[in-house]
C-alpha atoms as a PDB file:
ATOM      1  CA  MET A   1       0.000   0.000   0.000  1.00  0.00           C
ATOM      2  CA  GLY A   2       1.323   3.386  -0.956  1.00  0.00           C
ATOM      3  CA  SER A   3       0.946   6.867   0.377  1.00  0.00           C
ATOM      4  CA  ILE A   4       0.251  10.261  -1.165  1.00  0.00           C
ATOM      5  CA  ALA A   5       2.751  13.069  -0.639  1.00  0.00           C
ATOM      6  CA  VAL A   6       1.976  16.591  -1.844  1.00  0.00           C
ATOM      7  CA  HIS A   7       4.205  19.624  -2.157  1.00  0.00           C
ATOM      8  CA  GLU A   8       2.926  23.149  -2.707  1.00  0.00           C
ATOM      9  CA  PHE A   9       4.651  26.498  -3.063  1.00  0.00           C
ATOM     10  CA  ILE A  10       2.335  29.051  -1.463  1.00  0.00           C
ATOM     11  CA  SER A  11       2.456  32.648  -0.335  1.00  0.00           C
ATOM     12  CA  ILE A  12       1.851  33.522   3.291  1.00  0.00           C
ATOM     13  CA  ASP A  13      -1.753  34.408   2.362  1.00  0.00           C
ATOM     14  CA  GLY A  14      -2.271  31.033   0.673  1.00  0.00           C
ATOM     15  CA  VAL A  15      -1.883  31.891  -3.030  1.00  0.00           C
ATOM     16  CA  TYR A  16      -0.463  29.017  -5.081  1.00  0.00           C
ATOM     17  CA  GLU A  17      -1.453  30.122  -8.577  1.00  0.00           C
ATOM     18  CA  ASP A  18       1.322  30.631 -11.153  1.00  0.00           C
ATOM     19  CA  PRO A  19       4.284  30.272  -8.797  1.00  0.00           C
ATOM     20  CA  SER A  20       6.530  32.462 -10.962  1.00  0.00           C
ATOM     21  CA  TRP A  21       6.440  34.908  -8.019  1.00  0.00           C
ATOM     22  CA  THR A  22       8.692  32.444  -6.168  1.00  0.00           C
ATOM     23  CA  PHE A  23      11.606  33.321  -8.495  1.00  0.00           C
ATOM     24  CA  ASP A  24      12.254  36.517  -6.506  1.00  0.00           C
ATOM     25  CA  TYR A  25      13.425  34.341  -3.581  1.00  0.00           C
ATOM     26  CA  GLY A  26      15.793  32.067  -5.435  1.00  0.00           C
ATOM     27  CA  PHE A  27      15.919  28.346  -4.830  1.00  0.00           C
ATOM     28  CA  ASP A  28      17.764  27.454  -1.651  1.00  0.00           C
ATOM     29  CA  PRO A  29      19.803  24.249  -2.190  1.00  0.00           C
ATOM     30  CA  LYS A  30      18.367  22.862   1.049  1.00  0.00           C
ATOM     31  CA  MET A  31      14.896  23.117  -0.516  1.00  0.00           C
ATOM     32  CA  GLY A  32      16.202  20.940  -3.324  1.00  0.00           C
ATOM     33  CA  GLU A  33      17.393  18.394  -0.774  1.00  0.00           C
ATOM     34  CA  THR A  34      13.967  18.357   0.872  1.00  0.00           C
ATOM     35  CA  LEU A  35      12.166  17.978  -2.460  1.00  0.00           C
ATOM     36  CA  GLY A  36      14.663  15.305  -3.489  1.00  0.00           C
ATOM     37  CA  ALA A  37      13.846  13.347  -0.342  1.00  0.00           C
ATOM     38  CA  ILE A  38      10.122  13.617  -1.084  1.00  0.00           C
ATOM     39  CA  THR A  39      10.435  12.581  -4.735  1.00  0.00           C
ATOM     40  CA  GLY A  40      13.111   9.988  -3.996  1.00  0.00           C
ATOM     41  CA  GLU A  41      10.500   7.669  -2.514  1.00  0.00           C
ATOM     42  CA  ALA A  42       7.956   8.290  -5.275  1.00  0.00           C
ATOM     43  CA  LYS A  43       6.886   5.530  -7.626  1.00  0.00           C
ATOM     44  CA  ALA A  44       4.192   7.559  -9.403  1.00  0.00           C
ATOM     45  CA  ILE A  45       3.180  11.154 -10.069  1.00  0.00           C
ATOM     46  CA  LEU A  46      -0.444  12.305  -9.815  1.00  0.00           C
ATOM     47  CA  LEU A  47      -1.414  15.635 -11.362  1.00  0.00           C
ATOM     48  CA  GLY A  48      -4.516  17.621 -12.129  1.00  0.00           C
ATOM     49  CA  ARG A  49      -5.026  18.374 -15.817  1.00  0.00           C
ATOM     50  CA  ASN A  50      -4.057  22.061 -15.585  1.00  0.00           C
ATOM     51  CA  THR A  51      -0.805  21.344 -13.760  1.00  0.00           C
ATOM     52  CA  PHE A  52      -0.079  18.508 -16.174  1.00  0.00           C
ATOM     53  CA  GLU A  53      -0.510  20.896 -19.117  1.00  0.00           C
ATOM     54  CA  MET A  54       1.967  23.319 -17.513  1.00  0.00           C
ATOM     55  CA  PHE A  55       4.488  20.625 -16.541  1.00  0.00           C
ATOM     56  CA  ALA A  56       4.511  18.585 -19.765  1.00  0.00           C
ATOM     57  CA  PRO A  57       6.038  21.223 -22.061  1.00  0.00           C
ATOM     58  CA  ALA A  58       8.377  22.438 -19.308  1.00  0.00           C
ATOM     59  CA  TRP A  59       9.746  19.027 -18.275  1.00  0.00           C
ATOM     60  CA  SER A  60       9.360  16.697 -21.257  1.00  0.00           C
ATOM     61  CA  THR A  61      12.334  18.134 -23.149  1.00  0.00           C
ATOM     62  CA  ARG A  62      14.621  18.631 -20.134  1.00  0.00           C
ATOM     63  CA  THR A  63      17.582  16.378 -19.567  1.00  0.00           C
ATOM     64  CA  VAL A  64      19.557  15.645 -16.424  1.00  0.00           C
ATOM     65  CA  GLU A  65      22.102  18.231 -17.660  1.00  0.00           C
ATOM     66  CA  ASP A  66      19.326  20.854 -17.637  1.00  0.00           C
ATOM     67  CA  ASP A  67      17.888  19.848 -14.276  1.00  0.00           C
ATOM     68  CA  PRO A  68      18.664  16.916 -11.966  1.00  0.00           C
ATOM     69  CA  GLY A  69      14.895  16.388 -11.538  1.00  0.00           C
ATOM     70  CA  ALA A  70      14.303  15.736 -15.241  1.00  0.00           C
ATOM     71  CA  PRO A  71      14.680  11.925 -15.135  1.00  0.00           C
ATOM     72  CA  PHE A  72      12.197  11.698 -12.265  1.00  0.00           C
ATOM     73  CA  PHE A  73       9.540  13.726 -14.060  1.00  0.00           C
ATOM     74  CA  ASN A  74      10.099  12.137 -17.465  1.00  0.00           C
ATOM     75  CA  GLU A  75      10.600   8.489 -16.522  1.00  0.00           C
ATOM     76  CA  THR A  76       8.129   8.096 -13.646  1.00  0.00           C
ATOM     77  CA  GLN A  77       4.608   6.891 -14.415  1.00  0.00           C
ATOM     78  CA  LYS A  78       2.236   9.855 -14.403  1.00  0.00           C
ATOM     79  CA  TYR A  79      -1.517   9.810 -13.758  1.00  0.00           C
ATOM     80  CA  VAL A  80      -3.705  12.732 -14.740  1.00  0.00           C
ATOM     81  CA  VAL A  81      -7.061  13.604 -13.181  1.00  0.00           C
ATOM     82  CA  GLY A  82      -9.327  15.738 -15.325  1.00  0.00           C
ATOM     83  CA  ALA A  83     -12.726  15.645 -16.969  1.00  0.00           C
ATOM     84  CA  THR A  84     -11.186  16.552 -20.338  1.00  0.00           C
ATOM     85  CA  THR A  85      -8.199  15.116 -22.170  1.00  0.00           C
ATOM     86  CA  PRO A  86      -5.041  17.205 -21.780  1.00  0.00           C
ATOM     87  CA  ALA A  87      -4.027  19.208 -24.841  1.00  0.00           C
ATOM     88  CA  VAL A  88      -0.416  17.976 -24.594  1.00  0.00           C
ATOM     89  CA  GLU A  89       1.235  14.565 -24.453  1.00  0.00           C
ATOM     90  CA  TRP A  90       4.012  13.325 -22.203  1.00  0.00           C
ATOM     91  CA  ALA A  91       5.654   9.907 -21.971  1.00  0.00           C
ATOM     92  CA  ASN A  92       4.471   7.440 -19.324  1.00  0.00           C
ATOM     93  CA  THR A  93       1.100   9.129 -18.810  1.00  0.00           C
ATOM     94  CA  THR A  94      -2.242   7.538 -17.983  1.00  0.00           C
ATOM     95  CA  LEU A  95      -5.471   9.539 -17.984  1.00  0.00           C
ATOM     96  CA  LEU A  96      -7.773   8.724 -15.062  1.00  0.00           C
ATOM     97  CA  GLY A  97     -10.744  10.871 -16.088  1.00  0.00           C
ATOM     98  CA  GLY A  98     -12.655  13.121 -13.722  1.00  0.00           C
ATOM     99  CA  TYR A  99     -11.993  13.085  -9.989  1.00  0.00           C
ATOM    100  CA  ASP A 100     -13.042   9.818  -8.369  1.00  0.00           C
ATOM    101  CA  ALA A 101     -11.904   9.196  -4.784  1.00  0.00           C
ATOM    102  CA  ALA A 102     -12.297   5.429  -5.225  1.00  0.00           C
ATOM    103  CA  ALA A 103      -9.996   5.439  -8.278  1.00  0.00           C
ATOM    104  CA  ILE A 104      -7.375   7.456  -6.375  1.00  0.00           C
ATOM    105  CA  ARG A 105      -7.687   5.138  -3.376  1.00  0.00           C
ATOM    106  CA  LYS A 106      -7.144   2.164  -5.715  1.00  0.00           C
ATOM    107  CA  LEU A 107      -4.072   3.846  -7.260  1.00  0.00           C
ATOM    108  CA  LYS A 108      -2.713   4.500  -3.782  1.00  0.00           C
ATOM    109  CA  ASP A 109      -3.372   0.906  -2.685  1.00  0.00           C
ATOM    110  CA  GLU A 110      -1.713  -0.533  -5.805  1.00  0.00           C
ATOM    111  CA  THR A 111       1.397   1.673  -5.616  1.00  0.00           C
ATOM    112  CA  ASP A 112       4.306   0.244  -3.661  1.00  0.00           C
ATOM    113  CA  GLY A 113       5.663   3.582  -2.486  1.00  0.00           C
ATOM    114  CA  VAL A 114       4.780   7.234  -2.674  1.00  0.00           C
ATOM    115  CA  VAL A 115       2.390   8.826  -5.134  1.00  0.00           C
ATOM    116  CA  TYR A 116       3.793  12.355  -5.524  1.00  0.00           C
ATOM    117  CA  ILE A 117       1.759  15.468  -6.314  1.00  0.00           C
ATOM    118  CA  SER A 118       3.086  18.932  -7.115  1.00  0.00           C
ATOM    119  CA  GLY A 119       0.708  21.850  -7.479  1.00  0.00           C
ATOM    120  CA  SER A 120      -2.711  20.621  -8.613  1.00  0.00           C
ATOM    121  CA  GLY A 121      -4.523  22.628  -5.927  1.00  0.00           C
ATOM    122  CA  THR A 122      -8.062  21.667  -6.928  1.00  0.00           C
ATOM    123  CA  LEU A 123      -7.140  17.984  -6.926  1.00  0.00           C
ATOM    124  CA  VAL A 124      -5.271  18.259  -3.627  1.00  0.00           C
ATOM    125  CA  ARG A 125      -8.199  20.004  -1.906  1.00  0.00           C
ATOM    126  CA  ALA A 126     -10.467  17.126  -2.989  1.00  0.00           C
ATOM    127  CA  LEU A 127      -7.928  14.563  -1.773  1.00  0.00           C
ATOM    128  CA  LEU A 128      -7.627  16.342   1.583  1.00  0.00           C
ATOM    129  CA  ALA A 129     -11.426  16.409   1.942  1.00  0.00           C
ATOM    130  CA  ASP A 130     -11.520  12.655   1.247  1.00  0.00           C
ATOM    131  CA  GLY A 131      -8.690  11.903   3.693  1.00  0.00           C
ATOM    132  CA  LEU A 132      -6.337  10.611   0.997  1.00  0.00           C
ATOM    133  CA  VAL A 133      -3.266  12.804   1.640  1.00  0.00           C
ATOM    134  CA  ASP A 134      -0.648  11.294   3.932  1.00  0.00           C
ATOM    135  CA  ASP A 135       1.996  14.023   3.741  1.00  0.00           C
ATOM    136  CA  LEU A 136       1.415  17.677   2.880  1.00  0.00           C
ATOM    137  CA  HIS A 137       4.588  19.707   2.363  1.00  0.00           C
ATOM    138  CA  LEU A 138       3.911  23.443   2.252  1.00  0.00           C
ATOM    139  CA  PHE A 139       6.762  25.707   1.206  1.00  0.00           C
ATOM    140  CA  VAL A 140       5.519  29.063   2.493  1.00  0.00           C
ATOM    141  CA  TYR A 141       7.089  32.137   0.906  1.00  0.00           C
ATOM    142  CA  PRO A 142       7.398  35.375   2.909  1.00  0.00           C
ATOM    143  CA  VAL A 143       5.046  37.414   0.749  1.00  0.00           C
ATOM    144  CA  ALA A 144       1.336  38.224   0.847  1.00  0.00           C
ATOM    145  CA  LEU A 145       0.204  38.512  -2.770  1.00  0.00           C
ATOM    146  CA  GLY A 146      -3.323  39.724  -2.095  1.00  0.00           C
ATOM    147  CA  THR A 147      -4.767  38.207  -5.276  1.00  0.00           C
ATOM    148  CA  GLY A 148      -4.675  34.860  -7.026  1.00  0.00           C
ATOM    149  CA  ALA A 149      -6.116  31.407  -6.568  1.00  0.00           C
ATOM    150  CA  ARG A 150      -5.788  30.309  -2.972  1.00  0.00           C
ATOM    151  CA  PHE A 151      -4.836  26.844  -1.885  1.00  0.00           C
ATOM    152  CA  TRP A 152      -7.285  26.740   1.014  1.00  0.00           C
ATOM    153  CA  SER A 153     -10.996  26.666   0.341  1.00  0.00           C
ATOM    154  CA  ASP A 154     -13.412  28.975   2.116  1.00  0.00           C
ATOM    155  CA  GLU A 155     -15.887  26.100   2.184  1.00  0.00           C
ATOM    156  CA  ALA A 156     -14.072  23.459   4.216  1.00  0.00           C
ATOM    157  CA  THR A 157     -12.134  23.062   7.428  1.00  0.00           C
ATOM    158  CA  THR A 158      -8.950  21.025   7.090  1.00  0.00           C
ATOM    159  CA  LYS A 159      -7.306  19.776  10.269  1.00  0.00           C
ATOM    160  CA  LEU A 160      -3.693  18.648  10.075  1.00  0.00           C
ATOM    161  CA  ALA A 161      -0.953  17.456  12.423  1.00  0.00           C
ATOM    162  CA  LEU A 162       2.432  19.175  12.201  1.00  0.00           C
ATOM    163  CA  LYS A 163       5.215  16.652  11.575  1.00  0.00           C
ATOM    164  CA  GLN A 164       8.243  18.822  10.796  1.00  0.00           C
ATOM    165  CA  THR A 165       9.402  22.386  10.135  1.00  0.00           C
ATOM    166  CA  GLU A 166      12.435  23.827   8.419  1.00  0.00           C
ATOM    167  CA  VAL A 167      13.467  27.404   7.646  1.00  0.00           C
ATOM    168  CA  TYR A 168      15.637  28.153   4.622  1.00  0.00           C
ATOM    169  CA  ASP A 169      18.089  31.008   4.136  1.00  0.00           C
ATOM    170  CA  ASN A 170      15.826  32.589   1.474  1.00  0.00           C
ATOM    171  CA  GLY A 171      13.052  33.069   4.067  1.00  0.00           C
ATOM    172  CA  VAL A 172      10.889  30.163   2.898  1.00  0.00           C
ATOM    173  CA  VAL A 173       9.457  27.940   5.630  1.00  0.00           C
ATOM    174  CA  HIS A 174       8.783  24.254   5.003  1.00  0.00           C
ATOM    175  CA  LEU A 175       5.850  22.935   6.992  1.00  0.00           C
ATOM    176  CA  ALA A 176       5.264  19.177   6.784  1.00  0.00           C
ATOM    177  CA  TYR A 177       1.822  17.976   7.863  1.00  0.00           C
ATOM    178  CA  GLY A 178      -0.015  14.703   8.099  1.00  0.00           C
ATOM    179  CA  PRO A 179      -3.608  13.823   8.923  1.00  0.00           C
ATOM    180  CA  ALA A 180      -4.839  15.080  12.294  1.00  0.00           C
END
């Protein structure tokens, strides 16, 4: 039986949309180590359709010389949740169709290791509501953006248990949570 581990880059006011605003803070090498530890245990990647359509063109042509994470993203089996077929293709991808908690639970049960999710806020909120997320890694940036899609829904309470914290030299705080 596997587990689901999520990582999100969010602002202090919860915005996760278009994380290009994170570039102002640089990428602390220790963040890379943390993300490497998370992805190092992953046997599958689960993405919402929108995130998949952003990731596919960005990652599919990268090599290990471009980015050490390229082999992970390109060679790992990817599963995409979405009611419509993505407009782009990417190797090792299976379309799951619209969100179905039972299908995700089956994927989790059949995966011998971690199912990794990056971004995919709508999908992650649904997974949290259905109790399917085992590890939630929030990388909180020291900026309040004021506008943009927010990770947290106004419609649901989500209780979590803090497992770990880490502060990076660029001011980003890593908060690792599990189910409460």
